[in-house]
């Protein structure tokens, strides 16, 4: 059957074999029940038991370099890096929880800036990865049915696409890489078993197509920032001029068969390297050694969160789900309505013609002191002219905008009252409307935006829009230490 509404957190299809391991369950059950009654602080609310189970080959090296880890589907993922950490120190840990500014925000800002202005390295190995093989025409026909974007691209092309259900909602948000004799698919971490079951249920009965889960066979390193091209060319000895959303296989040092995608999940220029796992540690070490001349830094997933929310990029599990459609989440450009058929096409055409009853909006806080005020963390109520219209889905501090930013779905008050009313762009963009978000009981004024902000851009080739990078400035932490010494000196 189909759930009547979004039930992702409760779907057993998303669990992996780890979640059926008796030893893991015995450890994790020690805290699961208590957490139902615990005050959940944002970001730092991580499990303590059943940890360090699924790790990438460079986990120990990241830990030695100050990584502070969170966990997703059993995978250890670096949230941020403590720059004051030394190899001989015990592993860095998350500090105590707070509803206000996290004490590690300065570290995240440094990582954010290096992605915007230099080059950062992020371990993204937890992505679910699959190979789809079969006779070429059969595979294309199969994927064209499942995907709302057009996947019939030339070898070397990368297609960002959704896989929709019959109601037009997301069953998957993925990348498809067209290779010589197969497609390589990259999906969100939580999707490893869930999407495999969905795709398996739609396989043709003639066994002409095979699906292979290769998640653990590849380590994924994302090289992010305008200096990524120069560093990649020095590492590989190859010309790394690539159009966005293309891929090629190259040799990196002694490693052969490294897939390089001209794609990052941050909206910044760079590459994602899919490395056979036996080569991962060697490539990582070389990146960190050669990258010193480029100011390379390790980057955690919280910096990626700040980058993507500021750029109005929706993510799986927060904005994208089985209950939201591409039209509602501003991703209509990834839907090819001129295709003969794909699952959910009829529902999406109906929305396109009749309008949607909810819309994803970016909100920028106009009166917010990040150092003193209580922070929004997702789930806050949104109001327009004093009327409740929705909830926030995710939030972050935009270091370029220098504002708190939130994403959230908005409905017309009449829809909430039981009279379905299509969303009107003029209603959403009416400058006389007063928008606010309830943050811990305070109605904070915000502005509503339907499109990404016009941020200054620094590319791999040149600096645009008179952007003045801060790469020559000391890090935030170092600057504060210098200021502290100056104030304390006689």
Protein backbone atom coordinates (compact mmCIF):
# COMPACT_ATOMS: atom_id res chain seq x y z
CA UNK A 1 0.00 0.00 0.00
CA UNK A 2 0.84 3.69 -0.07
CA UNK A 3 1.12 5.86 3.05
CA UNK A 4 -1.64 8.53 3.20
CA UNK A 5 0.99 11.22 3.87
CA UNK A 6 4.71 11.70 4.33
CA UNK A 7 5.96 8.92 6.65
CA UNK A 8 9.66 8.76 5.72
CA UNK A 9 10.88 8.64 9.32
CA UNK A 10 8.74 5.55 9.95
CA UNK A 11 9.25 3.64 6.71
CA UNK A 12 10.93 0.28 7.32
CA UNK A 13 12.00 0.24 3.66
CA UNK A 14 14.73 2.77 4.41
CA UNK A 15 16.56 0.56 6.94
CA UNK A 16 19.69 -1.35 5.95
CA UNK A 17 20.86 -4.78 7.10
CA UNK A 18 22.70 -3.00 9.93
CA UNK A 19 19.35 -2.19 11.52
CA UNK A 20 18.60 -5.91 11.74
CA UNK A 21 21.90 -6.73 13.44
CA UNK A 22 21.22 -7.99 16.97
CA UNK A 23 24.39 -6.53 18.46
CA UNK A 24 23.69 -3.11 16.95
CA UNK A 25 20.07 -3.20 18.12
CA UNK A 26 21.15 -4.20 21.62
CA UNK A 27 23.49 -1.21 21.84
CA UNK A 28 21.19 1.32 20.21
CA UNK A 29 18.15 0.28 22.28
CA UNK A 30 19.97 1.47 25.42
CA UNK A 31 19.18 5.07 24.48
CA UNK A 32 16.33 4.97 21.96
CA UNK A 33 13.51 4.90 24.52
CA UNK A 34 15.06 7.63 26.66
CA UNK A 35 15.46 9.89 23.64
CA UNK A 36 11.68 9.99 23.20
CA UNK A 37 11.51 11.95 26.46
CA UNK A 38 14.75 13.89 26.07
CA UNK A 39 15.07 17.55 25.18
CA UNK A 40 16.50 17.42 21.65
CA UNK A 41 19.01 20.17 20.99
CA UNK A 42 19.62 20.96 17.31
CA UNK A 43 22.69 19.69 15.43
CA UNK A 44 24.34 18.06 18.45
CA UNK A 45 21.56 15.54 19.04
CA UNK A 46 23.54 12.44 18.04
CA UNK A 47 23.38 8.83 19.21
CA UNK A 48 26.17 7.73 21.54
CA UNK A 49 25.82 3.96 21.13
CA UNK A 50 26.06 1.88 17.99
CA UNK A 51 28.63 4.27 16.51
CA UNK A 52 31.77 3.95 14.37
CA UNK A 53 30.23 1.09 12.42
CA UNK A 54 30.12 2.33 8.82
CA UNK A 55 33.11 4.49 7.99
CA UNK A 56 34.94 5.56 4.86
CA UNK A 57 38.58 4.49 4.35
CA UNK A 58 39.77 7.95 5.40
CA UNK A 59 37.78 8.04 8.66
CA UNK A 60 40.82 7.65 10.94
CA UNK A 61 42.70 10.35 9.08
CA UNK A 62 39.77 12.75 9.33
CA UNK A 63 39.48 12.00 13.04
CA UNK A 64 43.18 12.72 13.51
CA UNK A 65 42.70 16.06 11.76
CA UNK A 66 39.96 17.18 14.15
CA UNK A 67 36.76 15.91 12.56
CA UNK A 68 33.67 16.04 14.78
CA UNK A 69 31.34 13.32 13.54
CA UNK A 70 27.62 12.86 13.25
CA UNK A 71 25.84 9.70 12.12
CA UNK A 72 23.43 9.01 9.26
CA UNK A 73 22.16 5.49 8.54
CA UNK A 74 25.14 4.08 10.44
CA UNK A 75 27.66 6.15 8.47
CA UNK A 76 30.06 8.40 10.36
CA UNK A 77 30.12 11.78 8.61
CA UNK A 78 32.26 14.78 9.56
CA UNK A 79 30.02 17.66 10.69
CA UNK A 80 32.88 20.13 11.02
CA UNK A 81 36.59 20.22 11.88
CA UNK A 82 38.21 21.61 15.00
CA UNK A 83 41.25 23.58 13.74
CA UNK A 84 42.78 23.59 17.22
CA UNK A 85 42.96 19.79 17.30
CA UNK A 86 46.35 18.01 17.31
CA UNK A 87 46.98 14.43 16.28
CA UNK A 88 47.96 13.37 19.78
CA UNK A 89 44.72 14.79 21.23
CA UNK A 90 41.69 12.61 22.00
CA UNK A 91 39.02 12.71 19.26
CA UNK A 92 37.14 16.00 19.10
CA UNK A 93 33.55 15.79 20.32
CA UNK A 94 30.39 17.81 19.96
CA UNK A 95 29.92 20.39 22.72
CA UNK A 96 26.84 20.69 24.90
CA UNK A 97 23.61 21.57 23.15
CA UNK A 98 22.16 25.05 22.85
CA UNK A 99 19.19 26.78 21.22
CA UNK A 100 21.36 29.75 20.35
CA UNK A 101 24.45 30.18 18.20
CA UNK A 102 26.56 27.00 18.22
CA UNK A 103 29.96 27.57 19.74
CA UNK A 104 31.55 25.96 16.67
CA UNK A 105 29.93 28.38 14.19
CA UNK A 106 33.27 30.12 13.59
CA UNK A 107 34.77 26.81 12.43
CA UNK A 108 31.87 26.33 10.02
CA UNK A 109 32.33 29.87 8.71
CA UNK A 110 35.99 29.15 7.94
CA UNK A 111 34.99 26.00 6.04
CA UNK A 112 32.24 27.89 4.22
CA UNK A 113 34.67 30.61 3.13
CA UNK A 114 37.27 28.17 1.85
CA UNK A 115 34.59 26.60 -0.38
CA UNK A 116 33.61 30.04 -1.68
CA UNK A 117 37.13 31.39 -2.16
CA UNK A 118 39.71 28.62 -2.16
CA UNK A 119 39.42 24.85 -2.11
CA UNK A 120 37.80 22.56 0.44
CA UNK A 121 37.76 18.75 0.61
CA UNK A 122 34.65 16.94 1.83
CA UNK A 123 34.09 13.20 2.39
CA UNK A 124 30.72 12.34 0.82
CA UNK A 125 31.16 8.57 0.82
CA UNK A 126 27.84 7.84 2.52
CA UNK A 127 25.92 8.51 -0.70
CA UNK A 128 24.05 5.43 -1.94
CA UNK A 129 25.50 4.26 -5.27
CA UNK A 130 24.13 1.85 -7.85
CA UNK A 131 24.99 0.50 -11.29
CA UNK A 132 22.14 -0.12 -13.73
CA UNK A 133 23.08 -2.50 -16.53
CA UNK A 134 21.39 -4.15 -19.47
CA UNK A 135 20.77 -3.81 -23.15
CA UNK A 136 21.07 -0.10 -23.96
CA UNK A 137 17.56 0.48 -25.28
CA UNK A 138 16.00 -1.47 -22.43
CA UNK A 139 17.91 0.44 -19.76
CA UNK A 140 17.02 3.82 -21.29
CA UNK A 141 13.35 2.86 -21.61
CA UNK A 142 13.35 1.65 -17.98
CA UNK A 143 14.93 4.85 -16.65
CA UNK A 144 12.80 7.11 -18.83
CA UNK A 145 9.76 5.54 -17.18
CA UNK A 146 11.12 6.06 -13.65
CA UNK A 147 12.71 9.50 -14.09
CA UNK A 148 10.96 12.81 -14.68
CA UNK A 149 14.01 14.28 -16.44
CA UNK A 150 15.32 13.11 -19.82
CA UNK A 151 18.03 10.50 -19.21
CA UNK A 152 18.78 9.77 -22.88
CA UNK A 153 22.00 11.79 -22.96
CA UNK A 154 25.38 11.12 -24.52
CA UNK A 155 28.04 9.07 -22.75
CA UNK A 156 29.75 11.40 -20.28
CA UNK A 157 26.56 13.25 -19.38
CA UNK A 158 25.25 13.64 -15.84
CA UNK A 159 21.50 14.02 -15.34
CA UNK A 160 20.02 15.41 -12.12
CA UNK A 161 16.55 13.95 -11.85
CA UNK A 162 13.72 13.00 -9.59
CA UNK A 163 11.89 9.71 -9.55
CA UNK A 164 8.26 10.44 -8.83
CA UNK A 165 5.33 8.44 -7.51
CA UNK A 166 1.89 8.45 -9.11
CA UNK A 167 0.98 11.62 -7.18
CA UNK A 168 4.06 13.40 -8.51
CA UNK A 169 5.90 13.29 -5.17
CA UNK A 170 9.55 12.33 -4.84
CA UNK A 171 10.56 8.71 -4.44
CA UNK A 172 14.16 9.65 -5.18
CA UNK A 173 16.33 12.67 -5.95
CA UNK A 174 19.44 11.45 -7.73
CA UNK A 175 22.21 11.86 -10.27
CA UNK A 176 22.45 9.51 -13.26
CA UNK A 177 25.84 9.21 -14.96
CA UNK A 178 25.78 7.84 -18.52
CA UNK A 179 28.72 5.49 -19.02
CA UNK A 180 29.77 3.33 -21.97
CA UNK A 181 27.63 0.33 -21.11
CA UNK A 182 25.69 1.28 -17.99
CA UNK A 183 24.28 4.05 -15.83
CA UNK A 184 25.80 4.94 -12.46
CA UNK A 185 23.26 6.35 -9.99
CA UNK A 186 23.97 8.43 -6.89
CA UNK A 187 21.20 8.85 -4.30
CA UNK A 188 20.88 10.30 -0.78
CA UNK A 189 22.35 8.27 2.09
CA UNK A 190 18.92 7.32 3.49
CA UNK A 191 17.89 5.84 0.14
CA UNK A 192 20.23 2.84 -0.06
CA UNK A 193 17.57 0.19 0.50
CA UNK A 194 14.40 2.22 -0.02
CA UNK A 195 15.07 3.24 -3.61
CA UNK A 196 16.51 -0.14 -4.51
CA UNK A 197 13.19 -1.72 -3.57
CA UNK A 198 11.27 0.92 -5.54
CA UNK A 199 13.39 0.32 -8.65
CA UNK A 200 13.29 -3.45 -8.23
CA UNK A 201 9.49 -3.34 -8.17
CA UNK A 202 9.52 -1.66 -11.59
CA UNK A 203 12.03 -3.92 -13.34
CA UNK A 204 10.86 -5.53 -16.59
CA UNK A 205 9.83 -9.16 -16.23
CA UNK A 206 12.29 -10.40 -18.87
CA UNK A 207 15.31 -9.96 -16.55
CA UNK A 208 16.97 -7.73 -19.14
CA UNK A 209 18.13 -5.19 -16.54
CA UNK A 210 20.20 -5.67 -13.40
CA UNK A 211 20.63 -3.41 -10.38
CA UNK A 212 23.83 -3.53 -8.32
CA UNK A 213 24.41 -1.73 -5.03
CA UNK A 214 28.03 -0.49 -5.08
CA UNK A 215 27.81 1.95 -2.16
CA UNK A 216 30.81 0.53 -0.31
CA UNK A 217 32.96 0.08 -3.42
CA UNK A 218 33.51 3.81 -3.93
CA UNK A 219 34.81 6.56 -1.69
CA UNK A 220 33.50 9.99 -2.66
CA UNK A 221 35.64 13.08 -2.20
CA UNK A 222 34.22 16.46 -3.19
CA UNK A 223 36.72 19.12 -4.12
CA UNK A 224 34.89 22.43 -3.72
CA UNK A 225 35.87 25.96 -4.64
CA UNK A 226 37.47 28.10 -7.35
CA UNK A 227 40.95 26.65 -6.79
CA UNK A 228 39.73 23.09 -7.33
CA UNK A 229 40.58 23.08 -11.04
CA UNK A 230 44.24 24.04 -10.56
CA UNK A 231 44.67 21.48 -7.81
CA UNK A 232 42.98 18.73 -9.85
CA UNK A 233 45.17 19.45 -12.86
CA UNK A 234 48.32 19.20 -10.75
CA UNK A 235 47.10 15.98 -9.15
CA UNK A 236 46.02 14.29 -12.38
CA UNK A 237 48.20 15.83 -15.06
CA UNK A 238 45.03 16.23 -17.12
CA UNK A 239 43.11 19.21 -18.45
CA UNK A 240 40.20 19.49 -16.02
CA UNK A 241 38.14 21.95 -18.05
CA UNK A 242 34.70 20.36 -17.86
CA UNK A 243 31.20 21.57 -18.56
CA UNK A 244 28.86 21.38 -15.55
CA UNK A 245 27.06 18.06 -15.22
CA UNK A 246 29.57 16.03 -17.21
CA UNK A 247 31.95 13.31 -16.13
CA UNK A 248 35.10 11.55 -17.24
CA UNK A 249 37.38 8.83 -15.95
CA UNK A 250 40.98 9.76 -15.24
CA UNK A 251 44.08 8.56 -13.40
CA UNK A 252 44.85 10.38 -10.16
CA UNK A 253 48.37 9.53 -9.01
CA UNK A 254 48.63 5.73 -8.95
CA UNK A 255 44.85 5.30 -8.98
CA UNK A 256 43.11 4.33 -12.20
CA UNK A 257 39.43 4.49 -13.07
CA UNK A 258 38.56 7.50 -10.91
CA UNK A 259 35.22 8.95 -11.99
CA UNK A 260 35.24 12.74 -11.84
CA UNK A 261 31.93 14.61 -11.98
CA UNK A 262 31.76 18.36 -12.60
CA UNK A 263 29.14 18.54 -9.86
CA UNK A 264 29.09 19.50 -6.20
CA UNK A 265 26.17 19.58 -3.79
CA UNK A 266 26.96 23.11 -2.65
CA UNK A 267 26.26 25.29 -5.68
CA UNK A 268 29.99 26.11 -5.82
CA UNK A 269 32.38 25.12 -8.64
CA UNK A 270 34.33 21.92 -8.17
CA UNK A 271 34.38 18.18 -8.67
CA UNK A 272 33.10 15.01 -7.07
CA UNK A 273 35.56 12.10 -7.28
CA UNK A 274 34.22 8.55 -7.14
CA UNK A 275 37.30 6.59 -6.16
CA UNK A 276 37.67 2.79 -5.91
CA UNK A 277 37.96 2.52 -2.14
CA UNK A 278 41.37 0.82 -2.13
CA UNK A 279 42.88 4.03 -3.57
CA UNK A 280 41.04 6.47 -1.33
CA UNK A 281 43.57 6.98 1.45
CA UNK A 282 46.44 7.52 -0.97
CA UNK A 283 44.49 10.09 -2.99
CA UNK A 284 43.32 11.88 0.14
CA UNK A 285 46.88 12.12 1.49
CA UNK A 286 48.13 13.50 -1.81
CA UNK A 287 45.34 16.06 -1.94
CA UNK A 288 46.24 17.31 1.52
CA UNK A 289 49.98 17.44 0.74
CA UNK A 290 49.80 19.08 -2.68
CA UNK A 291 46.81 21.15 -1.62
CA UNK A 292 48.83 23.04 0.98
CA UNK A 293 49.98 25.38 -1.77
CA UNK A 294 46.32 26.10 -2.53
CA UNK A 295 45.20 26.57 1.08
CA UNK A 296 43.18 23.35 1.13
CA UNK A 297 41.05 22.58 4.19
CA UNK A 298 38.87 19.73 5.29
CA UNK A 299 35.18 20.63 5.20
CA UNK A 300 32.24 19.07 7.05
CA UNK A 301 28.58 18.55 6.20
CA UNK A 302 27.40 21.57 8.21
CA UNK A 303 29.29 23.90 5.87
CA UNK A 304 27.51 22.22 2.95
CA UNK A 305 24.21 22.81 4.75
CA UNK A 306 24.95 26.52 5.10
CA UNK A 307 25.94 26.79 1.44
CA UNK A 308 22.92 24.97 0.02
CA UNK A 309 20.22 26.66 2.15
CA UNK A 310 21.63 30.10 1.41
CA UNK A 311 21.45 29.25 -2.31
CA UNK A 312 17.88 27.91 -1.97
CA UNK A 313 18.80 24.29 -2.81
CA UNK A 314 16.20 21.83 -1.45
CA UNK A 315 17.41 18.47 -0.09
CA UNK A 316 15.97 15.01 0.26
CA UNK A 317 14.26 14.29 3.57
CA UNK A 318 13.88 17.97 4.46
CA UNK A 319 12.20 19.63 1.49
CA UNK A 320 11.96 16.73 -0.96
CA UNK A 321 9.78 13.76 -0.03
CA UNK A 322 7.02 11.51 -1.29
CA UNK A 323 4.59 14.29 -0.35
CA UNK A 324 6.25 17.12 -2.30
CA UNK A 325 6.52 17.56 -6.06
CA UNK A 326 9.06 19.30 -8.33
CA UNK A 327 6.58 22.06 -9.11
CA UNK A 328 5.95 22.74 -5.42
CA UNK A 329 9.69 22.77 -4.66
CA UNK A 330 10.80 24.98 -7.58
CA UNK A 331 12.46 22.16 -9.52
CA UNK A 332 10.14 22.15 -12.54
CA UNK A 333 13.17 22.79 -14.77
CA UNK A 334 14.25 19.19 -14.08
CA UNK A 335 10.96 17.79 -15.42
CA UNK A 336 10.66 17.03 -19.15
CA UNK A 337 6.95 17.13 -19.91
CA UNK A 338 7.57 16.40 -23.59
CA UNK A 339 8.59 12.82 -22.73
CA UNK A 340 6.03 10.26 -23.81
CA UNK A 341 5.53 8.91 -20.28
CA UNK A 342 7.03 8.78 -16.82
CA UNK A 343 5.54 7.83 -13.48
CA UNK A 344 3.73 10.83 -12.02
CA UNK A 345 3.51 12.76 -15.31
CA UNK A 346 -0.28 13.01 -15.21
CA UNK A 347 -0.28 14.39 -11.65
CA UNK A 348 2.44 16.92 -12.48
CA UNK A 349 0.64 18.07 -15.63
CA UNK A 350 -2.47 18.62 -13.53
CA UNK A 351 -0.46 20.74 -11.07
CA UNK A 352 1.15 22.65 -13.91
CA UNK A 353 -2.21 23.48 -15.45
CA UNK A 354 -4.28 24.02 -12.30
CA UNK A 355 -1.64 25.35 -9.92
CA UNK A 356 -0.16 24.03 -6.69
CA UNK A 357 -1.57 24.37 -3.19
CA UNK A 358 1.79 24.76 -1.49
CA UNK A 359 5.08 26.34 -2.53
CA UNK A 360 8.63 26.21 -1.23
CA UNK A 361 9.84 29.67 -0.21
CA UNK A 362 13.13 31.04 1.07
CA UNK A 363 12.89 33.41 4.02
CA UNK A 364 15.58 35.88 5.02
CA UNK A 365 15.49 37.23 8.57
CA UNK A 366 15.59 41.02 8.66
CA UNK A 367 15.91 41.57 12.40
CA UNK A 368 18.11 38.86 13.85
CA UNK A 369 21.22 38.98 16.04
CA UNK A 370 23.02 35.69 15.48
CA UNK A 371 25.15 36.17 18.60
CA UNK A 372 22.30 36.87 21.02
CA UNK A 373 18.96 35.63 19.68
CA UNK A 374 17.52 32.13 19.88
CA UNK A 375 18.07 30.41 16.53
CA UNK A 376 15.41 28.81 14.34
CA UNK A 377 16.18 25.16 13.65
CA UNK A 378 13.29 23.98 11.42
CA UNK A 379 9.64 23.38 12.26
CA UNK A 380 8.87 27.00 13.17
CA UNK A 381 5.47 28.41 12.20
CA UNK A 382 5.32 30.88 9.30
CA UNK A 383 2.84 33.76 9.24
CA UNK A 384 1.66 36.17 6.53
CA UNK A 385 -0.14 39.27 7.77
CA UNK A 386 -0.66 37.48 11.07
CA UNK A 387 -2.22 34.35 9.52
CA UNK A 388 -0.56 30.94 9.85
CA UNK A 389 0.56 29.65 6.41
CA UNK A 390 3.12 26.88 7.01
CA UNK A 391 6.27 25.62 8.71
CA UNK A 392 10.01 25.99 8.08
CA UNK A 393 11.77 22.85 6.85
CA UNK A 394 15.45 23.76 7.28
CA UNK A 395 17.49 26.76 8.41
CA UNK A 396 21.06 28.02 8.25
CA UNK A 397 23.10 31.15 8.70
CA UNK A 398 24.02 32.71 5.33
CA UNK A 399 27.56 33.98 5.71
CA UNK A 400 27.49 35.87 2.39
CA UNK A 401 24.04 37.34 2.97
CA UNK A 402 24.97 37.86 6.63
CA UNK A 403 21.45 36.82 7.51
CA UNK A 404 19.65 33.88 9.02
CA UNK A 405 17.91 31.97 6.22
CA UNK A 406 15.07 29.44 6.32
CA UNK A 407 13.26 27.31 3.76
CA UNK A 408 9.64 26.33 4.21
CA UNK A 409 6.45 25.33 2.43
CA UNK A 410 3.66 27.89 2.39
CA UNK A 411 -0.09 27.34 1.83
CA UNK A 412 -2.92 29.80 1.42
CA UNK A 413 -4.90 30.27 4.67
CA UNK A 414 -8.02 29.12 2.81
CA UNK A 415 -6.30 25.81 1.97
CA UNK A 416 -5.41 25.32 5.62
CA UNK A 417 -9.03 26.08 6.56
CA UNK A 418 -10.25 23.33 4.24
CA UNK A 419 -10.92 25.18 0.96
CA UNK A 420 -8.09 24.21 -1.46
CA UNK A 421 -6.74 27.36 -3.12
CA UNK A 422 -3.94 27.44 -5.72
CA UNK A 423 -0.86 29.43 -4.79
CA UNK A 424 -0.60 32.74 -6.63
CA UNK A 425 2.84 34.21 -7.32
CA UNK A 426 1.46 37.71 -6.87
CA UNK A 427 0.15 36.71 -3.42
CA UNK A 428 3.56 35.38 -2.45
CA UNK A 429 5.53 38.35 -3.76
CA UNK A 430 3.16 41.13 -2.65
CA UNK A 431 5.50 43.73 -1.16
CA UNK A 432 2.80 45.05 1.15
CA UNK A 433 2.50 41.63 2.89
CA UNK A 434 4.14 41.28 6.29
CA UNK A 435 5.85 37.93 6.80
CA UNK A 436 7.10 36.62 10.13
CA UNK A 437 8.38 33.39 11.68
CA UNK A 438 7.66 32.36 15.25
CA UNK A 439 11.02 31.63 16.89
CA UNK A 440 10.51 30.49 20.47
CA UNK A 441 7.48 32.77 20.86
CA UNK A 442 9.00 35.84 19.20
CA UNK A 443 7.50 36.89 15.85
CA UNK A 444 10.63 37.66 13.82
CA UNK A 445 10.13 39.74 10.61
CA UNK A 446 11.31 38.01 7.42
CA UNK A 447 11.18 38.59 3.68
CA UNK A 448 9.86 35.93 1.29
CA UNK A 449 11.74 34.91 -1.88
CA UNK A 450 10.81 32.50 -4.67
CA UNK A 451 14.23 32.49 -6.34
CA UNK A 452 17.83 32.04 -5.13
CA UNK A 453 19.55 35.23 -3.98
CA UNK A 454 21.93 36.95 -6.39
CA UNK A 455 25.17 36.09 -4.59
CA UNK A 456 28.57 37.31 -5.82
CA UNK A 457 30.34 34.57 -7.76
CA UNK A 458 33.96 33.48 -7.84
CA UNK A 459 34.57 30.85 -10.53
CA UNK A 460 37.44 28.52 -11.38
CA UNK A 461 38.48 30.94 -14.14
CA UNK A 462 37.88 34.43 -12.85
CA UNK A 463 36.40 36.64 -10.17
CA UNK A 464 33.01 38.17 -11.04
CA UNK A 465 30.80 40.89 -9.63
CA UNK A 466 33.75 42.65 -7.95
CA UNK A 467 33.86 39.93 -5.30
CA UNK A 468 36.69 40.49 -2.87
CA UNK A 469 37.74 37.14 -1.44
CA UNK A 470 38.86 36.87 2.16
CA UNK A 471 41.33 34.07 1.53
CA UNK A 472 44.30 36.15 2.65
CA UNK A 473 42.67 37.00 5.95
CA UNK A 474 43.46 34.91 9.04
CA UNK A 475 40.78 32.46 10.05
CA UNK A 476 38.03 33.59 12.37
CA UNK A 477 39.44 31.55 15.25
CA UNK A 478 42.99 32.85 14.80
CA UNK A 479 41.78 36.44 14.63
CA UNK A 480 39.84 36.02 17.86
CA UNK A 481 42.88 34.52 19.61
CA UNK A 482 45.04 37.48 18.52
CA UNK A 483 42.41 39.96 19.72
CA UNK A 484 42.15 38.13 23.06
CA UNK A 485 45.91 38.33 23.58
CA UNK A 486 45.92 42.05 22.76
CA UNK A 487 43.16 42.76 25.30
CA UNK A 488 44.82 40.66 28.02
CA UNK A 489 48.35 42.01 27.53
CA UNK A 490 49.47 44.84 29.90
